[in-house]
Amino acid sequence: MNDAPLSIEEAVKEDRASLTAFRASVSSAFRGKEAAVDLALTALLGRGHVLFEDVPGTGKTTLARAMAASLDARFRRIQFTSDLLPSDVLGISVFQQDRSSFEFRPGPIFANVVLADEVNRTTPRTQSALLEAMSEGRVTVDDTTHALPSPFIVIATQNPKEFYGTYPLPESQLDRFMLRLAIGYPDKAVERVLIQSYGWTDPVSELRPVATAADVLRWQSRVEKVRVEPVLMEYVMAVVGATRASPHLSLGVSTRGAISFYRAVQARAYLLGRAFATPDDVQALVVPSMSHRVYVKAHRDGSSAQREEAAAILTDLIESLPVPR
């Protein structure tokens, strides 16, 4: 029996069917926005987290639930409110009289897929409870560290048009998200079908798991082997450097952001059935990977105007750089 590890080309071929089935399952409940589905799955494969920013009713929660329903893994939803406490997210130690000791009761963060709904509605103290979980896959409660399940992804949502009663995410929190994306409204033909078909039913309730947590761990381990040729690596570094040198930006991409961008490039290539990354992967991920990590000099306030202008500047930036051949 040959136990030699698969080459990246063999791994791509082996996983193509299972990844295609996973994408198809999510897309069947979240129609008309294949690009958003691919970005969300890119974050999952790249061991990252994703922030959905859009107005209510565009399907942010549906997409998160569809991902979880297509995966045989634990899913928890946390509705963030102004009175939510860190212990409501992480868990709490409860004293057991019969044993004269404390017992830790895990909070909803102990799941494979965590939906942090309306994350900007809770206080900075509770928002910060997510930092260690998102960065290191663990949480510390009462000086004791607890490992989170693996795989682990946080899918957060927020409405960028609403400011009353909200607490904008700080830079350190935003930097933990691999990708930030807006879903937008579907086109007219798709919206017509959605209105007629989904008015009385929940499409997510009809989904059944088509992949397991073990599948995701396998995909993630293989994404690391996706080839990024030296000339493409120079392109990645040129993009990162350009954000720091831009006269329009007061804050460029950090090293952590650059690492996250690199992993996303590899993950997108693997998701699309390639053993190697291309300039298209880099170009497709510049805005969703960097727009929440840079700040426009005229709008360093987290407003929707700042985000839109940052996206425009990044788009101009990538178009101005020579594309490797």
C-alpha atoms as a PDB file:
ATOM      1  CA  MET A   1       0.000   0.000   0.000  1.00  0.00           C
ATOM      2  CA  ASN A   2       1.390   3.382  -0.991  1.00  0.00           C
ATOM      3  CA  ASP A   3       1.215   5.789   1.976  1.00  0.00           C
ATOM      4  CA  ALA A   4       3.203   8.572   0.314  1.00  0.00           C
ATOM      5  CA  PRO A   5       1.556  11.982   0.727  1.00  0.00           C
ATOM      6  CA  LEU A   6      -0.362  13.277  -2.248  1.00  0.00           C
ATOM      7  CA  SER A   7       1.127  15.978  -4.402  1.00  0.00           C
ATOM      8  CA  ILE A   8      -0.805  19.235  -4.487  1.00  0.00           C
ATOM      9  CA  GLU A   9      -2.022  18.364  -7.994  1.00  0.00           C
ATOM     10  CA  GLU A  10      -3.341  15.007  -6.775  1.00  0.00           C
ATOM     11  CA  ALA A  11      -4.943  16.658  -3.753  1.00  0.00           C
ATOM     12  CA  VAL A  12      -6.752  19.196  -5.938  1.00  0.00           C
ATOM     13  CA  LYS A  13      -8.086  16.401  -8.123  1.00  0.00           C
ATOM     14  CA  GLU A  14      -9.194  14.330  -5.114  1.00  0.00           C
ATOM     15  CA  ASP A  15     -11.024  17.232  -3.427  1.00  0.00           C
ATOM     16  CA  ARG A  16     -12.627  18.738  -6.517  1.00  0.00           C
ATOM     17  CA  ALA A  17     -15.869  16.762  -6.233  1.00  0.00           C
ATOM     18  CA  SER A  18     -16.359  17.377  -2.502  1.00  0.00           C
ATOM     19  CA  LEU A  19     -15.614  21.105  -2.798  1.00  0.00           C
ATOM     20  CA  THR A  20     -17.947  21.425  -5.765  1.00  0.00           C
ATOM     21  CA  ALA A  21     -20.728  19.712  -3.808  1.00  0.00           C
ATOM     22  CA  PHE A  22     -20.147  22.016  -0.844  1.00  0.00           C
ATOM     23  CA  ARG A  23     -20.272  25.144  -3.009  1.00  0.00           C
ATOM     24  CA  ALA A  24     -23.397  23.878  -4.776  1.00  0.00           C
ATOM     25  CA  SER A  25     -25.153  23.178  -1.480  1.00  0.00           C
ATOM     26  CA  VAL A  26     -24.505  26.671  -0.117  1.00  0.00           C
ATOM     27  CA  SER A  27     -25.463  28.291  -3.432  1.00  0.00           C
ATOM     28  CA  SER A  28     -28.741  26.378  -3.593  1.00  0.00           C
ATOM     29  CA  ALA A  29     -29.979  28.268  -0.518  1.00  0.00           C
ATOM     30  CA  PHE A  30     -28.207  31.523  -1.315  1.00  0.00           C
ATOM     31  CA  ARG A  31     -28.949  32.190  -4.959  1.00  0.00           C
ATOM     32  CA  GLY A  32     -27.614  34.764  -7.355  1.00  0.00           C
ATOM     33  CA  LYS A  33     -24.454  35.713  -5.460  1.00  0.00           C
ATOM     34  CA  GLU A  34     -21.843  33.116  -6.365  1.00  0.00           C
ATOM     35  CA  ALA A  35     -19.006  35.594  -5.822  1.00  0.00           C
ATOM     36  CA  ALA A  36     -20.085  36.129  -2.191  1.00  0.00           C
ATOM     37  CA  VAL A  37     -20.304  32.357  -1.658  1.00  0.00           C
ATOM     38  CA  ASP A  38     -16.802  31.876  -3.057  1.00  0.00           C
ATOM     39  CA  LEU A  39     -15.374  34.601  -0.812  1.00  0.00           C
ATOM     40  CA  ALA A  40     -16.990  33.086   2.285  1.00  0.00           C
ATOM     41  CA  LEU A  41     -15.633  29.634   1.404  1.00  0.00           C
ATOM     42  CA  THR A  42     -12.228  31.162   0.685  1.00  0.00           C
ATOM     43  CA  ALA A  43     -12.135  32.443   4.265  1.00  0.00           C
ATOM     44  CA  LEU A  44     -13.091  28.987   5.547  1.00  0.00           C
ATOM     45  CA  LEU A  45     -10.367  27.235   3.528  1.00  0.00           C
ATOM     46  CA  GLY A  46      -7.799  29.871   4.506  1.00  0.00           C
ATOM     47  CA  ARG A  47      -8.471  29.468   8.243  1.00  0.00           C
ATOM     48  CA  GLY A  48      -9.827  32.994   8.371  1.00  0.00           C
ATOM     49  CA  HIS A  49     -12.943  34.848   9.446  1.00  0.00           C
ATOM     50  CA  VAL A  50     -15.334  36.935   7.402  1.00  0.00           C
ATOM     51  CA  LEU A  51     -17.263  40.156   8.055  1.00  0.00           C
ATOM     52  CA  PHE A  52     -20.460  40.795   6.098  1.00  0.00           C
ATOM     53  CA  GLU A  53     -21.356  44.470   5.902  1.00  0.00           C
ATOM     54  CA  ASP A  54     -24.664  45.298   4.275  1.00  0.00           C
ATOM     55  CA  VAL A  55     -28.129  46.624   4.885  1.00  0.00           C
ATOM     56  CA  PRO A  56     -30.693  44.283   6.495  1.00  0.00           C
ATOM     57  CA  GLY A  57     -32.419  41.728   4.316  1.00  0.00           C
ATOM     58  CA  THR A  58     -29.671  41.035   1.792  1.00  0.00           C
ATOM     59  CA  GLY A  59     -28.980  37.501   3.001  1.00  0.00           C
ATOM     60  CA  LYS A  60     -26.009  37.850   5.366  1.00  0.00           C
ATOM     61  CA  THR A  61     -27.491  35.489   7.947  1.00  0.00           C
ATOM     62  CA  THR A  62     -28.830  33.121   5.277  1.00  0.00           C
ATOM     63  CA  LEU A  63     -25.362  32.679   3.788  1.00  0.00           C
ATOM     64  CA  ALA A  64     -23.835  31.951   7.195  1.00  0.00           C
ATOM     65  CA  ARG A  65     -26.579  29.451   8.047  1.00  0.00           C
ATOM     66  CA  ALA A  66     -26.277  27.783   4.638  1.00  0.00           C
ATOM     67  CA  MET A  67     -22.554  27.235   5.192  1.00  0.00           C
ATOM     68  CA  ALA A  68     -23.198  25.699   8.589  1.00  0.00           C
ATOM     69  CA  ALA A  69     -26.091  23.538   7.365  1.00  0.00           C
ATOM     70  CA  SER A  70     -23.953  22.161   4.523  1.00  0.00           C
ATOM     71  CA  LEU A  71     -21.282  21.170   7.017  1.00  0.00           C
ATOM     72  CA  ASP A  72     -21.657  18.375   9.561  1.00  0.00           C
ATOM     73  CA  ALA A  73     -20.243  20.468  12.383  1.00  0.00           C
ATOM     74  CA  ARG A  74     -21.429  22.478  15.358  1.00  0.00           C
ATOM     75  CA  PHE A  75     -23.067  25.842  14.609  1.00  0.00           C
ATOM     76  CA  ARG A  76     -23.953  28.557  17.118  1.00  0.00           C
ATOM     77  CA  ARG A  77     -25.510  31.950  16.570  1.00  0.00           C
ATOM     78  CA  ILE A  78     -24.793  34.832  18.932  1.00  0.00           C
ATOM     79  CA  GLN A  79     -27.138  37.820  18.706  1.00  0.00           C
ATOM     80  CA  PHE A  80     -25.024  40.745  19.842  1.00  0.00           C
ATOM     81  CA  THR A  81     -26.844  43.374  21.896  1.00  0.00           C
ATOM     82  CA  SER A  82     -25.817  46.277  24.088  1.00  0.00           C
ATOM     83  CA  ASP A  83     -26.269  44.252  27.295  1.00  0.00           C
ATOM     84  CA  LEU A  84     -24.333  41.159  26.157  1.00  0.00           C
ATOM     85  CA  LEU A  85     -21.438  40.312  28.485  1.00  0.00           C
ATOM     86  CA  PRO A  86     -18.113  38.619  27.645  1.00  0.00           C
ATOM     87  CA  SER A  87     -19.193  35.633  29.747  1.00  0.00           C
ATOM     88  CA  ASP A  88     -22.288  35.268  27.554  1.00  0.00           C
ATOM     89  CA  VAL A  89     -19.918  34.630  24.649  1.00  0.00           C
ATOM     90  CA  LEU A  90     -17.002  32.770  26.219  1.00  0.00           C
ATOM     91  CA  GLY A  91     -18.634  30.859  29.067  1.00  0.00           C
ATOM     92  CA  ILE A  92     -18.449  30.962  32.837  1.00  0.00           C
ATOM     93  CA  SER A  93     -17.038  28.971  35.775  1.00  0.00           C
ATOM     94  CA  VAL A  94     -19.736  27.716  38.128  1.00  0.00           C
ATOM     95  CA  PHE A  95     -19.025  26.503  41.651  1.00  0.00           C
ATOM     96  CA  GLN A  96     -20.186  22.926  42.291  1.00  0.00           C
ATOM     97  CA  GLN A  97     -20.941  22.508  45.979  1.00  0.00           C
ATOM     98  CA  ASP A  98     -20.953  18.720  45.935  1.00  0.00           C
ATOM     99  CA  ARG A  99     -17.378  18.677  44.600  1.00  0.00           C
ATOM    100  CA  SER A 100     -16.202  21.934  46.173  1.00  0.00           C
ATOM    101  CA  SER A 101     -14.735  23.012  42.861  1.00  0.00           C
ATOM    102  CA  PHE A 102     -15.469  25.197  39.875  1.00  0.00           C
ATOM    103  CA  GLU A 103     -16.781  23.726  36.631  1.00  0.00           C
ATOM    104  CA  PHE A 104     -16.356  25.589  33.351  1.00  0.00           C
ATOM    105  CA  ARG A 105     -19.467  25.821  31.217  1.00  0.00           C
ATOM    106  CA  PRO A 106     -18.524  26.738  27.646  1.00  0.00           C
ATOM    107  CA  GLY A 107     -20.287  29.603  25.902  1.00  0.00           C
ATOM    108  CA  PRO A 108     -21.561  29.684  22.325  1.00  0.00           C
ATOM    109  CA  ILE A 109     -18.084  30.552  21.003  1.00  0.00           C
ATOM    110  CA  PHE A 110     -17.276  26.827  21.377  1.00  0.00           C
ATOM    111  CA  ALA A 111     -18.512  25.805  17.940  1.00  0.00           C
ATOM    112  CA  ASN A 112     -17.041  25.216  14.496  1.00  0.00           C
ATOM    113  CA  VAL A 113     -19.102  27.903  12.768  1.00  0.00           C
ATOM    114  CA  VAL A 114     -20.048  30.924  14.887  1.00  0.00           C
ATOM    115  CA  LEU A 115     -22.421  33.564  13.552  1.00  0.00           C
ATOM    116  CA  ALA A 116     -21.777  36.864  15.347  1.00  0.00           C
ATOM    117  CA  ASP A 117     -24.927  38.682  14.289  1.00  0.00           C
ATOM    118  CA  GLU A 118     -24.865  42.496  14.415  1.00  0.00           C
ATOM    119  CA  VAL A 119     -21.478  42.441  16.101  1.00  0.00           C
ATOM    120  CA  ASN A 120     -21.272  46.246  16.249  1.00  0.00           C
ATOM    121  CA  ARG A 121     -24.300  46.447  18.549  1.00  0.00           C
ATOM    122  CA  THR A 122     -22.395  45.219  21.580  1.00  0.00           C
ATOM    123  CA  THR A 123     -19.936  47.142  23.733  1.00  0.00           C
ATOM    124  CA  PRO A 124     -16.179  47.210  23.053  1.00  0.00           C
ATOM    125  CA  ARG A 125     -15.633  45.071  26.146  1.00  0.00           C
ATOM    126  CA  THR A 126     -17.681  42.238  24.679  1.00  0.00           C
ATOM    127  CA  GLN A 127     -16.297  42.767  21.179  1.00  0.00           C
ATOM    128  CA  SER A 128     -12.783  42.308  22.578  1.00  0.00           C
ATOM    129  CA  ALA A 129     -13.791  38.897  23.940  1.00  0.00           C
ATOM    130  CA  LEU A 130     -13.551  37.664  20.354  1.00  0.00           C
ATOM    131  CA  LEU A 131      -9.945  38.774  19.822  1.00  0.00           C
ATOM    132  CA  GLU A 132      -8.122  35.799  21.346  1.00  0.00           C
ATOM    133  CA  ALA A 133     -10.636  33.355  19.859  1.00  0.00           C
ATOM    134  CA  MET A 134     -10.236  34.720  16.338  1.00  0.00           C
ATOM    135  CA  SER A 135      -6.448  35.065  16.503  1.00  0.00           C
ATOM    136  CA  GLU A 136      -5.422  31.911  18.349  1.00  0.00           C
ATOM    137  CA  GLY A 137      -8.386  29.533  18.347  1.00  0.00           C
ATOM    138  CA  ARG A 138      -8.643  29.564  22.131  1.00  0.00           C
ATOM    139  CA  VAL A 139     -10.122  31.578  24.989  1.00  0.00           C
ATOM    140  CA  THR A 140      -8.962  32.320  28.514  1.00  0.00           C
ATOM    141  CA  VAL A 141     -11.451  32.384  31.366  1.00  0.00           C
ATOM    142  CA  ASP A 142     -10.381  32.754  35.006  1.00  0.00           C
ATOM    143  CA  ASP A 143      -6.711  32.319  34.079  1.00  0.00           C
ATOM    144  CA  THR A 144      -7.436  28.989  32.385  1.00  0.00           C
ATOM    145  CA  THR A 145      -7.030  28.593  28.636  1.00  0.00           C
ATOM    146  CA  HIS A 146      -9.519  26.491  26.695  1.00  0.00           C
ATOM    147  CA  ALA A 147      -8.981  25.355  23.107  1.00  0.00           C
ATOM    148  CA  LEU A 148     -11.790  25.958  20.641  1.00  0.00           C
ATOM    149  CA  PRO A 149     -13.039  23.278  18.236  1.00  0.00           C
ATOM    150  CA  SER A 150     -11.260  22.916  14.932  1.00  0.00           C
ATOM    151  CA  PRO A 151     -12.061  24.032  12.292  1.00  0.00           C
ATOM    152  CA  PHE A 152     -13.255  27.354  13.655  1.00  0.00           C
ATOM    153  CA  ILE A 153     -14.659  30.311  11.745  1.00  0.00           C
ATOM    154  CA  VAL A 154     -16.425  33.462  12.888  1.00  0.00           C
ATOM    155  CA  ILE A 155     -18.921  34.924  10.444  1.00  0.00           C
ATOM    156  CA  ALA A 156     -19.843  38.397  11.677  1.00  0.00           C
ATOM    157  CA  THR A 157     -22.486  40.732  10.322  1.00  0.00           C
ATOM    158  CA  GLN A 158     -23.108  44.437  10.705  1.00  0.00           C
ATOM    159  CA  ASN A 159     -25.140  47.189   9.053  1.00  0.00           C
ATOM    160  CA  PRO A 160     -22.763  49.975   7.947  1.00  0.00           C
ATOM    161  CA  LYS A 161     -25.631  52.416   7.371  1.00  0.00           C
ATOM    162  CA  GLU A 162     -26.817  52.422  10.969  1.00  0.00           C
ATOM    163  CA  PHE A 163     -25.003  54.347  13.694  1.00  0.00           C
ATOM    164  CA  TYR A 164     -27.468  54.877  16.563  1.00  0.00           C
ATOM    165  CA  GLY A 165     -26.829  52.369  19.336  1.00  0.00           C
ATOM    166  CA  THR A 166     -23.771  50.856  17.671  1.00  0.00           C
ATOM    167  CA  TYR A 167     -20.094  50.622  18.572  1.00  0.00           C
ATOM    168  CA  PRO A 168     -17.794  50.665  15.516  1.00  0.00           C
ATOM    169  CA  LEU A 169     -15.292  47.817  15.517  1.00  0.00           C
ATOM    170  CA  PRO A 170     -11.774  49.018  16.420  1.00  0.00           C
ATOM    171  CA  GLU A 171      -8.836  48.549  14.068  1.00  0.00           C
ATOM    172  CA  SER A 172      -7.473  45.614  16.084  1.00  0.00           C
ATOM    173  CA  GLN A 173     -10.789  43.769  15.737  1.00  0.00           C
ATOM    174  CA  LEU A 174     -11.174  44.499  12.019  1.00  0.00           C
ATOM    175  CA  ASP A 175      -7.655  43.215  11.388  1.00  0.00           C
ATOM    176  CA  ARG A 176      -8.728  39.753  12.610  1.00  0.00           C
ATOM    177  CA  PHE A 177     -11.105  39.334   9.682  1.00  0.00           C
ATOM    178  CA  MET A 178      -9.538  37.762   6.612  1.00  0.00           C
ATOM    179  CA  LEU A 179     -12.229  39.192   4.341  1.00  0.00           C
ATOM    180  CA  ARG A 180     -14.858  41.904   4.486  1.00  0.00           C
ATOM    181  CA  LEU A 181     -17.568  41.901   1.870  1.00  0.00           C
ATOM    182  CA  ALA A 182     -20.881  43.441   0.952  1.00  0.00           C
ATOM    183  CA  ILE A 183     -23.464  41.156  -0.608  1.00  0.00           C
ATOM    184  CA  GLY A 184     -25.695  43.717  -2.285  1.00  0.00           C
ATOM    185  CA  TYR A 185     -29.128  43.213  -3.774  1.00  0.00           C
ATOM    186  CA  PRO A 186     -29.711  40.372  -6.269  1.00  0.00           C
ATOM    187  CA  ASP A 187     -30.498  41.180  -9.866  1.00  0.00           C
ATOM    188  CA  LYS A 188     -34.148  41.494 -10.864  1.00  0.00           C
ATOM    189  CA  ALA A 189     -34.567  37.999 -12.320  1.00  0.00           C
ATOM    190  CA  VAL A 190     -33.067  36.268  -9.275  1.00  0.00           C
ATOM    191  CA  GLU A 191     -34.986  38.464  -6.839  1.00  0.00           C
ATOM    192  CA  ARG A 192     -38.258  37.576  -8.581  1.00  0.00           C
ATOM    193  CA  VAL A 193     -37.560  33.858  -8.026  1.00  0.00           C
ATOM    194  CA  LEU A 194     -36.562  34.460  -4.408  1.00  0.00           C
ATOM    195  CA  ILE A 195     -39.758  36.361  -3.668  1.00  0.00           C
ATOM    196  CA  GLN A 196     -41.952  33.717  -5.270  1.00  0.00           C
ATOM    197  CA  SER A 197     -40.106  30.654  -3.980  1.00  0.00           C
ATOM    198  CA  TYR A 198     -38.946  31.648  -0.513  1.00  0.00           C
ATOM    199  CA  GLY A 199     -41.837  33.748   0.718  1.00  0.00           C
ATOM    200  CA  TRP A 200     -43.252  30.903   2.785  1.00  0.00           C
ATOM    201  CA  THR A 201     -40.288  28.571   3.219  1.00  0.00           C
ATOM    202  CA  ASP A 202     -36.823  28.614   4.690  1.00  0.00           C
ATOM    203  CA  PRO A 203     -34.375  27.314   2.052  1.00  0.00           C
ATOM    204  CA  VAL A 204     -31.696  26.573   4.660  1.00  0.00           C
ATOM    205  CA  SER A 205     -33.970  24.113   6.491  1.00  0.00           C
ATOM    206  CA  GLU A 206     -33.920  21.863   3.427  1.00  0.00           C
ATOM    207  CA  LEU A 207     -30.120  21.562   3.334  1.00  0.00           C
ATOM    208  CA  ARG A 208     -28.305  18.458   4.516  1.00  0.00           C
ATOM    209  CA  PRO A 209     -24.577  18.175   5.331  1.00  0.00           C
ATOM    210  CA  VAL A 210     -22.399  17.365   2.341  1.00  0.00           C
ATOM    211  CA  ALA A 211     -19.046  17.747   4.131  1.00  0.00           C
ATOM    212  CA  THR A 212     -17.612  17.152   7.591  1.00  0.00           C
ATOM    213  CA  ALA A 213     -15.271  19.007   9.899  1.00  0.00           C
ATOM    214  CA  ALA A 214     -12.601  16.467   8.939  1.00  0.00           C
ATOM    215  CA  ASP A 215     -13.089  17.418   5.280  1.00  0.00           C
ATOM    216  CA  VAL A 216     -12.534  21.080   6.102  1.00  0.00           C
ATOM    217  CA  LEU A 217      -9.367  20.291   8.079  1.00  0.00           C
ATOM    218  CA  ARG A 218      -8.075  18.298   5.120  1.00  0.00           C
ATOM    219  CA  TRP A 219      -8.851  21.132   2.703  1.00  0.00           C
ATOM    220  CA  GLN A 220      -7.148  23.650   4.974  1.00  0.00           C
ATOM    221  CA  SER A 221      -3.994  21.567   5.318  1.00  0.00           C
ATOM    222  CA  ARG A 222      -3.760  21.203   1.549  1.00  0.00           C
ATOM    223  CA  VAL A 223      -4.325  24.903   0.873  1.00  0.00           C
ATOM    224  CA  GLU A 224      -0.945  25.554   2.525  1.00  0.00           C
ATOM    225  CA  LYS A 225       0.726  23.636  -0.321  1.00  0.00           C
ATOM    226  CA  VAL A 226      -0.772  25.725  -3.139  1.00  0.00           C
ATOM    227  CA  ARG A 227       2.150  27.125  -5.111  1.00  0.00           C
ATOM    228  CA  VAL A 228       2.807  30.854  -5.204  1.00  0.00           C
ATOM    229  CA  GLU A 229       5.630  31.352  -7.697  1.00  0.00           C
ATOM    230  CA  PRO A 230       8.373  33.895  -6.842  1.00  0.00           C
ATOM    231  CA  VAL A 231       7.178  36.332  -9.498  1.00  0.00           C
ATOM    232  CA  LEU A 232       3.652  36.231  -8.057  1.00  0.00           C
ATOM    233  CA  MET A 233       5.026  36.636  -4.541  1.00  0.00           C
ATOM    234  CA  GLU A 234       6.725  39.829  -5.704  1.00  0.00           C
ATOM    235  CA  TYR A 235       3.340  40.975  -7.010  1.00  0.00           C
ATOM    236  CA  VAL A 236       1.779  40.321  -3.599  1.00  0.00           C
ATOM    237  CA  MET A 237       4.547  42.294  -1.904  1.00  0.00           C
ATOM    238  CA  ALA A 238       4.131  45.126  -4.417  1.00  0.00           C
ATOM    239  CA  VAL A 239       0.443  45.389  -3.552  1.00  0.00           C
ATOM    240  CA  VAL A 240       1.158  45.431   0.185  1.00  0.00           C
ATOM    241  CA  GLY A 241       3.921  48.014  -0.230  1.00  0.00           C
ATOM    242  CA  ALA A 242       1.732  50.220  -2.421  1.00  0.00           C
ATOM    243  CA  THR A 243      -0.891  50.507   0.339  1.00  0.00           C
ATOM    244  CA  ARG A 244       1.792  51.797   2.707  1.00  0.00           C
ATOM    245  CA  ALA A 245       3.211  54.259   0.164  1.00  0.00           C
ATOM    246  CA  SER A 246      -0.107  55.600  -1.131  1.00  0.00           C
ATOM    247  CA  PRO A 247      -0.503  59.366  -0.558  1.00  0.00           C
ATOM    248  CA  HIS A 248      -4.247  58.785  -0.126  1.00  0.00           C
ATOM    249  CA  LEU A 249      -3.956  56.334   2.780  1.00  0.00           C
ATOM    250  CA  SER A 250      -2.926  57.157   6.336  1.00  0.00           C
ATOM    251  CA  LEU A 251      -2.601  53.477   7.281  1.00  0.00           C
ATOM    252  CA  GLY A 252      -1.488  50.661   4.999  1.00  0.00           C
ATOM    253  CA  VAL A 253      -1.792  46.907   5.384  1.00  0.00           C
ATOM    254  CA  SER A 254      -0.052  45.383   8.412  1.00  0.00           C
ATOM    255  CA  THR A 255       2.164  42.297   8.322  1.00  0.00           C
ATOM    256  CA  ARG A 256      -0.696  40.282   9.820  1.00  0.00           C
ATOM    257  CA  GLY A 257      -2.923  41.605   7.055  1.00  0.00           C
ATOM    258  CA  ALA A 258      -0.338  40.627   4.433  1.00  0.00           C
ATOM    259  CA  ILE A 259      -0.154  37.077   5.826  1.00  0.00           C
ATOM    260  CA  SER A 260      -3.944  36.836   5.765  1.00  0.00           C
ATOM    261  CA  PHE A 261      -3.991  38.129   2.171  1.00  0.00           C
ATOM    262  CA  TYR A 262      -1.432  35.510   1.118  1.00  0.00           C
ATOM    263  CA  ARG A 263      -3.450  32.687   2.699  1.00  0.00           C
ATOM    264  CA  ALA A 264      -6.610  33.932   1.002  1.00  0.00           C
ATOM    265  CA  VAL A 265      -4.853  33.898  -2.386  1.00  0.00           C
ATOM    266  CA  GLN A 266      -3.867  30.261  -1.847  1.00  0.00           C
ATOM    267  CA  ALA A 267      -7.354  29.350  -0.617  1.00  0.00           C
ATOM    268  CA  ARG A 268      -9.106  30.908  -3.615  1.00  0.00           C
ATOM    269  CA  ALA A 269      -6.849  29.025  -6.013  1.00  0.00           C
ATOM    270  CA  TYR A 270      -7.613  25.711  -4.279  1.00  0.00           C
ATOM    271  CA  LEU A 271     -11.342  26.419  -4.155  1.00  0.00           C
ATOM    272  CA  LEU A 272     -11.330  27.021  -7.908  1.00  0.00           C
ATOM    273  CA  GLY A 273      -9.514  23.734  -8.543  1.00  0.00           C
ATOM    274  CA  ARG A 274      -5.947  24.911  -9.060  1.00  0.00           C
ATOM    275  CA  ALA A 275      -2.680  23.810  -7.457  1.00  0.00           C
ATOM    276  CA  PHE A 276      -1.143  27.217  -8.112  1.00  0.00           C
ATOM    277  CA  ALA A 277      -2.147  30.838  -7.547  1.00  0.00           C
ATOM    278  CA  THR A 278      -2.470  33.365 -10.358  1.00  0.00           C
ATOM    279  CA  PRO A 279      -2.575  37.171 -10.662  1.00  0.00           C
ATOM    280  CA  ASP A 280      -6.377  36.845 -10.939  1.00  0.00           C
ATOM    281  CA  ASP A 281      -6.462  35.492  -7.376  1.00  0.00           C
ATOM    282  CA  VAL A 282      -4.481  38.479  -6.127  1.00  0.00           C
ATOM    283  CA  GLN A 283      -6.616  41.010  -7.986  1.00  0.00           C
ATOM    284  CA  ALA A 284      -9.909  39.439  -6.894  1.00  0.00           C
ATOM    285  CA  LEU A 285      -8.936  39.577  -3.209  1.00  0.00           C
ATOM    286  CA  VAL A 286      -7.330  43.006  -2.859  1.00  0.00           C
ATOM    287  CA  VAL A 287     -10.548  44.865  -1.979  1.00  0.00           C
ATOM    288  CA  PRO A 288     -12.235  42.237   0.265  1.00  0.00           C
ATOM    289  CA  SER A 289      -8.936  41.482   2.022  1.00  0.00           C
ATOM    290  CA  MET A 290      -7.617  45.033   2.468  1.00  0.00           C
ATOM    291  CA  SER A 291     -10.428  47.591   2.416  1.00  0.00           C
ATOM    292  CA  HIS A 292     -11.060  47.158   6.154  1.00  0.00           C
ATOM    293  CA  ARG A 293      -7.345  47.296   6.960  1.00  0.00           C
ATOM    294  CA  VAL A 294      -6.459  50.635   5.351  1.00  0.00           C
ATOM    295  CA  TYR A 295      -7.643  54.124   6.224  1.00  0.00           C
ATOM    296  CA  VAL A 296      -8.294  57.042   3.910  1.00  0.00           C
ATOM    297  CA  LYS A 297      -6.698  60.251   5.152  1.00  0.00           C
ATOM    298  CA  ALA A 298      -9.909  62.211   4.746  1.00  0.00           C
ATOM    299  CA  HIS A 299     -12.185  59.620   6.413  1.00  0.00           C
ATOM    300  CA  ARG A 300     -10.529  57.770   9.281  1.00  0.00           C
ATOM    301  CA  ASP A 301     -13.816  57.263  11.069  1.00  0.00           C
ATOM    302  CA  GLY A 302     -15.064  53.811  10.059  1.00  0.00           C
ATOM    303  CA  SER A 303     -17.934  55.343   8.078  1.00  0.00           C
ATOM    304  CA  SER A 304     -19.409  53.859   4.924  1.00  0.00           C
ATOM    305  CA  ALA A 305     -17.822  56.738   2.993  1.00  0.00           C
ATOM    306  CA  GLN A 306     -14.394  55.676   4.269  1.00  0.00           C
ATOM    307  CA  ARG A 307     -14.978  52.061   3.235  1.00  0.00           C
ATOM    308  CA  GLU A 308     -16.227  52.982  -0.235  1.00  0.00           C
ATOM    309  CA  GLU A 309     -13.347  55.376  -0.845  1.00  0.00           C
ATOM    310  CA  ALA A 310     -10.835  52.803   0.431  1.00  0.00           C
ATOM    311  CA  ALA A 311     -12.213  50.272  -2.040  1.00  0.00           C
ATOM    312  CA  ALA A 312     -11.912  52.799  -4.877  1.00  0.00           C
ATOM    313  CA  ILE A 313      -8.321  53.648  -3.940  1.00  0.00           C
ATOM    314  CA  LEU A 314      -7.371  49.968  -3.756  1.00  0.00           C
ATOM    315  CA  THR A 315      -8.971  49.317  -7.127  1.00  0.00           C
ATOM    316  CA  ASP A 316      -6.960  52.150  -8.690  1.00  0.00           C
ATOM    317  CA  LEU A 317      -3.843  50.886  -6.926  1.00  0.00           C
ATOM    318  CA  ILE A 318      -4.070  47.345  -8.323  1.00  0.00           C
ATOM    319  CA  GLU A 319      -4.761  48.686 -11.810  1.00  0.00           C
ATOM    320  CA  SER A 320      -1.626  50.827 -11.657  1.00  0.00           C
ATOM    321  CA  LEU A 321       0.726  47.929 -10.857  1.00  0.00           C
ATOM    322  CA  PRO A 322       2.265  45.831 -13.631  1.00  0.00           C
ATOM    323  CA  VAL A 323       0.787  42.321 -13.801  1.00  0.00           C
ATOM    324  CA  PRO A 324       3.340  39.480 -13.794  1.00  0.00           C
ATOM    325  CA  ARG A 325       3.422  37.283 -16.885  1.00  0.00           C
END
